[in-house]
Protein backbone atom coordinates (compact mmCIF):
# COMPACT_ATOMS: atom_id res chain seq x y z
CA MET A 1 11.99 -0.13 -23.51
CA VAL A 2 9.45 -2.88 -24.12
CA ARG A 3 12.07 -5.51 -23.38
CA ILE A 4 13.00 -3.81 -20.10
CA ALA A 5 9.32 -3.70 -19.11
CA GLY A 6 9.13 -7.42 -19.88
CA TRP A 7 12.07 -8.12 -17.57
CA VAL A 8 10.46 -6.07 -14.80
CA ALA A 9 7.18 -7.98 -15.21
CA GLN A 10 8.96 -11.35 -15.17
CA HIS A 11 10.93 -10.59 -11.98
CA PRO A 12 9.03 -7.85 -10.11
CA ILE A 13 10.48 -8.66 -6.68
CA LEU A 14 14.06 -8.68 -7.95
CA TRP A 15 13.61 -5.32 -9.66
CA PHE A 16 11.88 -3.94 -6.57
CA PHE A 17 14.90 -4.71 -4.40
CA ALA A 18 17.37 -3.62 -7.08
CA PHE A 19 15.74 -0.21 -7.35
CA PHE A 20 15.14 0.49 -3.67
CA ILE A 21 18.63 -0.63 -2.63
CA VAL A 22 20.05 2.36 -4.50
CA PHE A 23 17.01 4.62 -4.00
CA PRO A 24 18.30 6.47 -0.88
CA PHE A 25 21.25 7.69 -2.94
CA LEU A 26 18.98 9.05 -5.67
CA VAL A 27 16.91 11.36 -3.44
CA PRO A 28 18.05 14.46 -1.51
CA TYR A 29 17.98 12.79 1.90
CA TYR A 30 17.39 9.38 3.47
CA ALA A 31 14.22 10.42 5.29
CA LEU A 32 12.40 10.93 1.99
CA ALA A 33 13.40 7.46 0.78
CA THR A 34 12.16 5.91 4.03
CA GLN A 35 8.84 7.73 3.78
CA VAL A 36 8.37 6.49 0.21
CA LEU A 37 8.81 2.90 1.42
CA ILE A 38 6.38 3.28 4.33
CA TYR A 39 3.68 5.11 2.42
CA GLY A 40 4.22 2.91 -0.62
CA LEU A 41 3.42 -0.10 1.57
CA TYR A 42 0.40 1.73 2.96
CA ALA A 43 -0.84 2.41 -0.58
CA LEU A 44 -0.07 -1.20 -1.52
CA GLY A 45 -2.52 -2.39 1.13
CA PHE A 46 -5.18 0.05 -0.02
CA ASN A 47 -4.60 -1.01 -3.63
CA LEU A 48 -5.29 -4.64 -2.76
CA LEU A 49 -8.75 -3.67 -1.57
CA TYR A 50 -9.56 -1.01 -4.15
CA GLY A 51 -7.49 -1.81 -7.22
CA TYR A 52 -7.81 -5.59 -7.15
CA THR A 53 -11.06 -6.22 -5.25
CA GLY A 54 -13.00 -3.15 -6.31
CA LEU A 55 -13.89 -1.92 -2.81
CA LEU A 56 -13.34 1.78 -2.16
CA SER A 57 -12.39 2.58 1.43
CA PHE A 58 -12.33 6.14 2.78
CA GLY A 59 -11.14 5.00 6.19
CA HIS A 60 -7.85 3.18 5.66
CA ALA A 61 -6.18 5.47 8.19
CA ALA A 62 -7.85 3.28 10.83
CA TYR A 63 -5.50 0.35 10.14
CA PHE A 64 -2.44 2.53 9.58
CA GLY A 65 -3.15 4.19 12.92
CA LEU A 66 -3.99 0.94 14.73
CA GLY A 67 -0.70 -0.57 13.59
CA ALA A 68 1.21 2.53 14.67
CA TYR A 69 -0.47 2.74 18.06
CA GLY A 70 -0.21 -1.00 18.65
CA THR A 71 3.55 -0.95 18.13
CA GLY A 72 4.01 2.41 19.86
CA LEU A 73 2.08 1.42 22.98
CA ALA A 74 3.85 -1.93 23.15
CA LEU A 75 7.30 -0.31 23.05
CA ALA A 76 6.62 2.90 24.97
CA ARG A 77 3.96 1.90 27.53
CA LEU A 78 4.20 -1.87 27.91
CA LYS A 79 8.02 -1.73 27.72
CA VAL A 80 8.28 -4.64 25.29
CA THR A 81 12.02 -5.17 24.83
CA SER A 82 11.83 -6.93 21.47
CA LEU A 83 11.38 -5.00 18.24
CA TRP A 84 9.77 -8.08 16.69
CA GLY A 85 7.32 -8.26 19.60
CA GLY A 86 6.32 -4.63 19.06
CA LEU A 87 5.78 -5.20 15.35
CA ALA A 88 3.74 -8.32 16.04
CA ILE A 89 1.45 -6.45 18.46
CA GLY A 90 0.96 -3.69 15.89
CA LEU A 91 0.09 -6.20 13.18
CA LEU A 92 -2.29 -8.06 15.49
CA THR A 93 -4.04 -4.81 16.46
CA ALA A 94 -4.50 -3.77 12.84
CA GLY A 95 -5.61 -7.25 11.78
CA VAL A 96 -8.23 -7.55 14.52
CA GLY A 97 -9.48 -4.03 13.79
CA ALA A 98 -9.75 -4.78 10.07
CA ALA A 99 -11.57 -8.05 10.74
CA ILE A 100 -14.18 -6.36 12.96
CA ILE A 101 -14.66 -3.25 10.84
CA GLY A 102 -14.68 -5.26 7.63
CA PHE A 103 -17.35 -7.61 8.99
CA LEU A 104 -19.60 -4.64 9.75
CA CYS A 105 -18.88 -2.54 6.65
CA LEU A 106 -19.23 -5.35 4.12
CA ARG A 107 -22.93 -5.56 4.91
CA ARG A 108 -23.29 -2.56 2.58
CA ARG A 109 -22.09 -1.81 -0.95
CA GLY A 110 -20.92 1.16 -2.96
CA ILE A 111 -20.93 4.61 -1.39
CA TYR A 112 -22.55 3.26 1.79
CA PHE A 113 -19.60 0.91 2.27
CA ALA A 114 -17.12 3.75 1.66
CA LEU A 115 -18.86 6.07 4.13
CA LEU A 116 -19.03 3.35 6.77
CA THR A 117 -15.26 2.85 6.55
CA LEU A 118 -14.80 6.60 6.97
CA ALA A 119 -17.16 6.64 9.95
CA PHE A 120 -15.27 3.87 11.76
CA ALA A 121 -11.93 5.57 11.09
CA GLN A 122 -13.22 8.84 12.54
CA LEU A 123 -14.65 6.93 15.50
CA LEU A 124 -11.19 5.55 16.25
CA TYR A 125 -9.70 9.02 15.79
CA PHE A 126 -11.99 10.54 18.42
CA ILE A 127 -11.40 7.61 20.79
CA GLY A 128 -7.65 8.13 20.45
CA PHE A 129 -8.07 11.87 20.93
CA GLN A 130 -10.09 11.45 24.13
CA LEU A 131 -7.81 8.78 25.66
CA ALA A 132 -4.97 11.27 25.94
CA HIS A 133 -3.53 9.54 29.03
CA VAL A 134 -2.95 6.46 26.89
CA THR A 135 -2.36 7.73 23.34
CA GLY A 136 -0.93 11.15 24.11
CA GLY A 137 -3.92 12.83 22.50
CA ASP A 138 -3.11 15.86 20.38
CA ASP A 139 0.57 15.71 21.41
CA GLY A 140 0.95 12.20 20.03
CA LEU A 141 2.40 9.07 21.60
CA ARG A 142 6.02 9.84 22.47
CA GLY A 143 8.94 8.00 24.00
CA ILE A 144 9.15 5.11 21.53
CA PRO A 145 12.67 3.67 21.85
CA THR A 146 14.87 2.68 18.94
CA LEU A 147 15.52 -1.00 19.64
CA PRO A 148 18.12 -3.05 17.77
CA VAL A 149 17.17 -5.88 15.46
CA ALA A 150 17.80 -9.16 17.24
CA LEU A 151 18.64 -12.08 14.96
CA PRO A 152 20.05 -15.50 15.91
CA GLY A 153 23.65 -14.77 16.88
CA LEU A 154 23.49 -11.20 15.60
CA THR A 155 22.25 -7.83 16.85
CA ILE A 156 21.95 -4.94 14.39
CA PRO A 157 21.58 -1.41 15.79
CA LEU A 158 19.19 0.93 13.97
CA ASP A 159 20.68 4.21 15.15
CA SER A 160 21.80 5.36 11.71
CA PRO A 161 19.19 6.49 9.13
CA LEU A 162 20.64 4.17 6.48
CA ALA A 163 20.49 1.09 8.72
CA LEU A 164 16.87 1.90 9.58
CA TYR A 165 16.07 2.35 5.89
CA TYR A 166 17.40 -1.06 4.92
CA PHE A 167 15.61 -2.72 7.84
CA ILE A 168 12.34 -1.17 6.65
CA LEU A 169 13.20 -2.17 3.07
CA ALA A 170 13.62 -5.80 4.15
CA LEU A 171 10.18 -5.89 5.80
CA VAL A 172 8.48 -3.99 2.98
CA GLY A 173 10.11 -6.36 0.50
CA LEU A 174 8.70 -9.35 2.37
CA ALA A 175 5.27 -7.71 2.26
CA VAL A 176 5.62 -7.11 -1.49
CA LEU A 177 6.64 -10.74 -1.92
CA GLY A 178 3.55 -11.81 0.03
CA LEU A 179 1.28 -9.62 -2.08
CA ASN A 180 2.80 -10.98 -5.27
CA ARG A 181 2.11 -14.50 -4.04
CA ILE A 182 -1.50 -13.57 -3.25
CA LEU A 183 -2.09 -12.02 -6.67
CA GLU A 184 -0.49 -14.92 -8.54
CA SER A 185 -2.60 -17.46 -6.66
CA PRO A 186 -6.15 -18.58 -7.56
CA PHE A 187 -7.34 -16.40 -4.68
CA GLY A 188 -5.91 -13.35 -6.46
CA ALA A 189 -7.69 -14.31 -9.66
CA VAL A 190 -10.99 -14.55 -7.75
CA LEU A 191 -10.39 -11.09 -6.26
CA GLN A 192 -10.11 -9.61 -9.73
CA ALA A 193 -13.17 -11.55 -10.85
CA ILE A 194 -15.10 -9.99 -7.97
CA ARG A 195 -13.88 -6.57 -9.06
CA GLU A 196 -15.19 -7.14 -12.58
CA ASN A 197 -18.52 -8.76 -11.67
CA SER A 198 -19.26 -9.95 -8.15
CA ASP A 199 -22.65 -11.43 -9.07
CA ARG A 200 -21.16 -13.60 -11.79
CA THR A 201 -18.36 -14.68 -9.44
CA SER A 202 -20.96 -15.69 -6.87
CA ALA A 203 -22.81 -17.64 -9.55
CA CYS A 204 -19.60 -19.58 -10.19
CA GLY A 205 -19.82 -20.95 -6.66
CA TYR A 206 -17.46 -18.64 -4.75
CA ASP A 207 -18.36 -17.21 -1.35
CA VAL A 208 -17.94 -13.57 -2.39
CA ASN A 209 -18.61 -12.08 1.05
CA TRP A 210 -16.00 -14.28 2.72
CA ILE A 211 -13.40 -13.53 0.03
CA LYS A 212 -14.08 -9.79 0.31
CA HIS A 213 -13.63 -10.05 4.05
CA LEU A 214 -10.30 -11.82 3.63
CA SER A 215 -9.18 -9.16 1.18
CA PHE A 216 -10.22 -6.49 3.68
CA VAL A 217 -8.18 -8.13 6.45
CA PHE A 218 -5.11 -8.60 4.23
CA SER A 219 -5.38 -4.97 3.18
CA GLY A 220 -5.59 -3.90 6.82
CA LEU A 221 -2.54 -6.00 7.69
CA PHE A 222 -0.42 -4.32 5.00
CA ALA A 223 -1.60 -0.89 6.15
CA GLY A 224 -0.97 -1.88 9.78
CA LEU A 225 2.59 -2.96 9.00
CA ALA A 226 3.17 0.41 7.35
CA GLY A 227 1.84 2.12 10.48
CA SER A 228 4.08 0.02 12.73
CA LEU A 229 7.13 0.89 10.65
CA SER A 230 6.12 4.55 10.76
CA ALA A 231 6.06 4.44 14.58
CA ILE A 232 9.51 2.86 14.70
CA TYR A 233 10.87 5.34 12.18
CA LEU A 234 9.41 8.54 13.68
CA ARG A 235 9.55 7.36 17.33
CA ILE A 236 6.24 9.13 17.79
CA VAL A 237 2.67 8.32 16.79
CA PRO A 238 0.74 11.51 15.93
CA ILE A 239 -3.02 11.39 16.33
CA GLU A 240 -3.28 12.46 12.67
CA ASN A 241 -2.41 8.88 11.72
CA LEU A 242 -6.07 8.10 12.40
CA TYR A 243 -7.49 11.24 10.80
CA TRP A 244 -9.44 11.30 7.54
CA THR A 245 -6.67 13.24 5.75
CA THR A 246 -4.40 10.20 6.10
CA SER A 247 -7.10 8.14 4.39
CA GLY A 248 -7.37 10.72 1.64
CA GLN A 249 -3.63 10.73 1.05
CA VAL A 250 -3.51 7.00 0.34
CA VAL A 251 -6.37 7.33 -2.16
CA MET A 252 -4.45 10.08 -3.98
CA MET A 253 -1.19 8.11 -3.94
CA THR A 254 -2.83 5.01 -5.37
CA LEU A 255 -4.65 6.87 -8.13
CA LEU A 256 -1.57 8.94 -9.01
CA GLY A 257 0.50 5.78 -9.44
CA GLY A 258 -2.20 3.61 -10.96
CA ALA A 259 -4.87 1.60 -9.17
CA GLY A 260 -4.82 -2.11 -9.89
CA THR A 261 -1.14 -2.14 -10.87
CA PHE A 262 1.60 -3.83 -8.89
CA PHE A 263 4.12 -0.98 -8.65
CA GLY A 264 1.61 1.87 -8.99
CA PRO A 265 1.29 2.49 -5.22
CA PHE A 266 5.03 3.04 -4.81
CA VAL A 267 5.17 5.29 -7.87
CA GLY A 268 2.22 7.30 -6.56
CA ALA A 269 3.68 7.55 -3.05
CA ALA A 270 6.99 8.75 -4.46
CA ALA A 271 5.28 11.31 -6.70
CA PHE A 272 3.10 12.62 -3.86
CA LEU A 273 5.92 12.90 -1.32
CA VAL A 274 8.40 14.44 -3.76
CA LEU A 275 5.81 17.01 -4.83
CA GLU A 276 5.05 17.77 -1.19
CA ASP A 277 8.76 18.14 -0.42
CA ILE A 278 9.37 20.51 -3.32
CA LEU A 279 6.19 22.59 -3.22
CA SER A 280 6.19 23.11 0.56
CA VAL A 281 9.47 25.02 0.18
CA PHE A 282 7.84 27.64 -2.04
CA THR A 283 4.30 27.91 -0.71
CA GLU A 284 2.17 27.01 2.28
CA SER A 285 -0.66 26.16 -0.12
CA TRP A 286 1.09 23.10 -1.51
CA GLN A 287 -2.03 20.98 -0.88
CA LEU A 288 -3.94 23.14 -3.36
CA ILE A 289 -1.37 22.56 -6.09
CA ILE A 290 -1.24 18.82 -5.45
CA GLY A 291 -5.05 18.78 -5.52
CA LEU A 292 -5.05 20.43 -8.95
CA ILE A 293 -2.47 17.92 -10.19
CA PHE A 294 -4.59 15.09 -8.82
CA MET A 295 -7.65 16.44 -10.62
CA GLY A 296 -5.66 16.57 -13.84
CA PHE A 297 -4.66 12.92 -13.48
CA VAL A 298 -8.23 11.84 -12.76
CA LEU A 299 -9.49 13.69 -15.85
CA PHE A 300 -6.72 13.04 -18.37
CA LEU A 301 -4.64 10.12 -17.03
CA PRO A 302 -7.15 7.98 -15.11
CA LYS A 303 -4.81 4.98 -15.13
CA GLY A 304 -2.11 6.89 -13.27
CA ILE A 305 1.60 7.20 -13.98
CA TRP A 306 2.54 3.52 -13.90
CA GLY A 307 -0.75 2.33 -15.38
CA THR A 308 -0.42 4.70 -18.35
CA LEU A 309 3.19 3.65 -18.91
CA VAL A 310 2.26 -0.04 -18.85
CA GLU A 311 -0.65 0.56 -21.23
CA HIS A 312 1.62 2.45 -23.63
CA LEU A 313 4.17 -0.37 -23.61
CA LEU A 314 1.43 -2.95 -24.16
CA VAL A 315 0.14 -1.05 -27.19
CA ARG A 316 3.68 -0.70 -28.53
CA GLN A 317 4.34 -4.41 -28.03
CA THR A 318 1.13 -5.27 -29.90
CA THR A 319 2.15 -2.96 -32.73
CA VAL A 320 5.65 -4.39 -32.96
CA GLU A 321 4.55 -8.05 -32.76
CA PRO A 322 0.98 -8.31 -34.05
CA ASP A 323 1.32 -11.98 -34.97
CA GLY A 324 2.65 -14.43 -32.43
CA GLY A 325 5.85 -13.57 -30.58
CA SER A 326 5.59 -13.11 -26.85
CA ASP A 327 3.47 -11.02 -24.52
CA TRP A 328 4.91 -8.14 -22.50
CA LYS A 329 5.78 -10.50 -19.67
CA GLY A 330 7.93 -12.54 -22.01
CA ARG A 331 5.62 -15.55 -22.31
CA PRO A 332 4.88 -17.09 -25.71
CA ARG A 333 1.65 -16.09 -27.41
CA SER A 334 -0.69 -18.55 -29.01
CA PRO A 335 -0.39 -18.98 -32.79
CA ASN A 336 -3.13 -16.39 -33.38
CA GLY A 337 -1.29 -13.87 -31.23
CA ASP A 338 -3.59 -14.00 -28.21
CA VAL A 339 -2.14 -13.33 -24.78
CA PRO A 340 -2.43 -16.27 -22.35
CA VAL A 341 -5.45 -16.22 -20.07
CA ARG A 342 -3.48 -15.83 -16.82
CA SER A 343 -1.99 -12.39 -17.28
CA SER A 344 0.08 -10.33 -14.88
CA PRO A 345 -1.60 -7.86 -12.51
CA GLU A 346 -0.45 -4.99 -14.72
CA ALA A 347 -1.76 -6.58 -17.88
CA SER A 348 -5.17 -7.36 -16.45
CA ALA A 349 -5.67 -4.39 -14.14
CA ARG A 350 -8.16 -1.64 -14.60
CA PRO A 351 -8.50 1.39 -12.32
């Protein structure tokens, strides 16, 4: 088991694709697999801000909704005939929104920052609700067409659920690859330094406010891409995409999977959506049961499902090889058994 975990840590992108290529055949229906991808990407963006930078946002629905409405309006209202053009407009809308909101919210810290993000998300929700002639209001934005994927010399229709799943998988995989590159770069190391001690990071000469702002924008872009994919998948943009409950869901997903871990958001999204799918069959109060489960995780498994598993494997690896050997990512230890300074996100993450 430890060796398998080492392989996963050495090649996270490869294992991501290997698992999600077969994932739709492991769940009851394709729609659930597609939702796990979309909401896993949404949680991935939130995790970049919270798990790696240490900034808690209660208003991440703003960027999910902006991405969804940007793509939906481009395809349904502006009649953009290119799927790539619709996605680009959704990403641009979410990125600009994150840049503006982040600039204003980052003037405060702690709970004041979190409440400001919630306030801006609710502001966008009420704007969307009032502009019913544009957004569809309570009925949602409808009439989003299913456009084919246009590639050089090739056009791929997305009419079948499986084709749409693999198209979304390709884009989510590119986003995961981009996040992995960010976290493995010096910029990613500075993000985690800010999470641990922003004052000390500032004393080292880094512009902490600017780096936090960049992290905020990157996080909004990931969430916006998830929203854009949701609009293409559902062919409707419900106003609830901007509501505070959508922000709360991503917090729960991230903490269930493990904040500050690379695969935790996808594990948490899968756990949340599978629980919702099963419990909603038996009771209308499924939110209450999921809430109790969430409370149990916060109290007894604060590192989440994936974070607890990684911690257990790290402890086991240390027990098996106390002197020398290799770390859990398969890299050689120093002669005294210390793990190298540049560790993987899983090895260095804390919720």
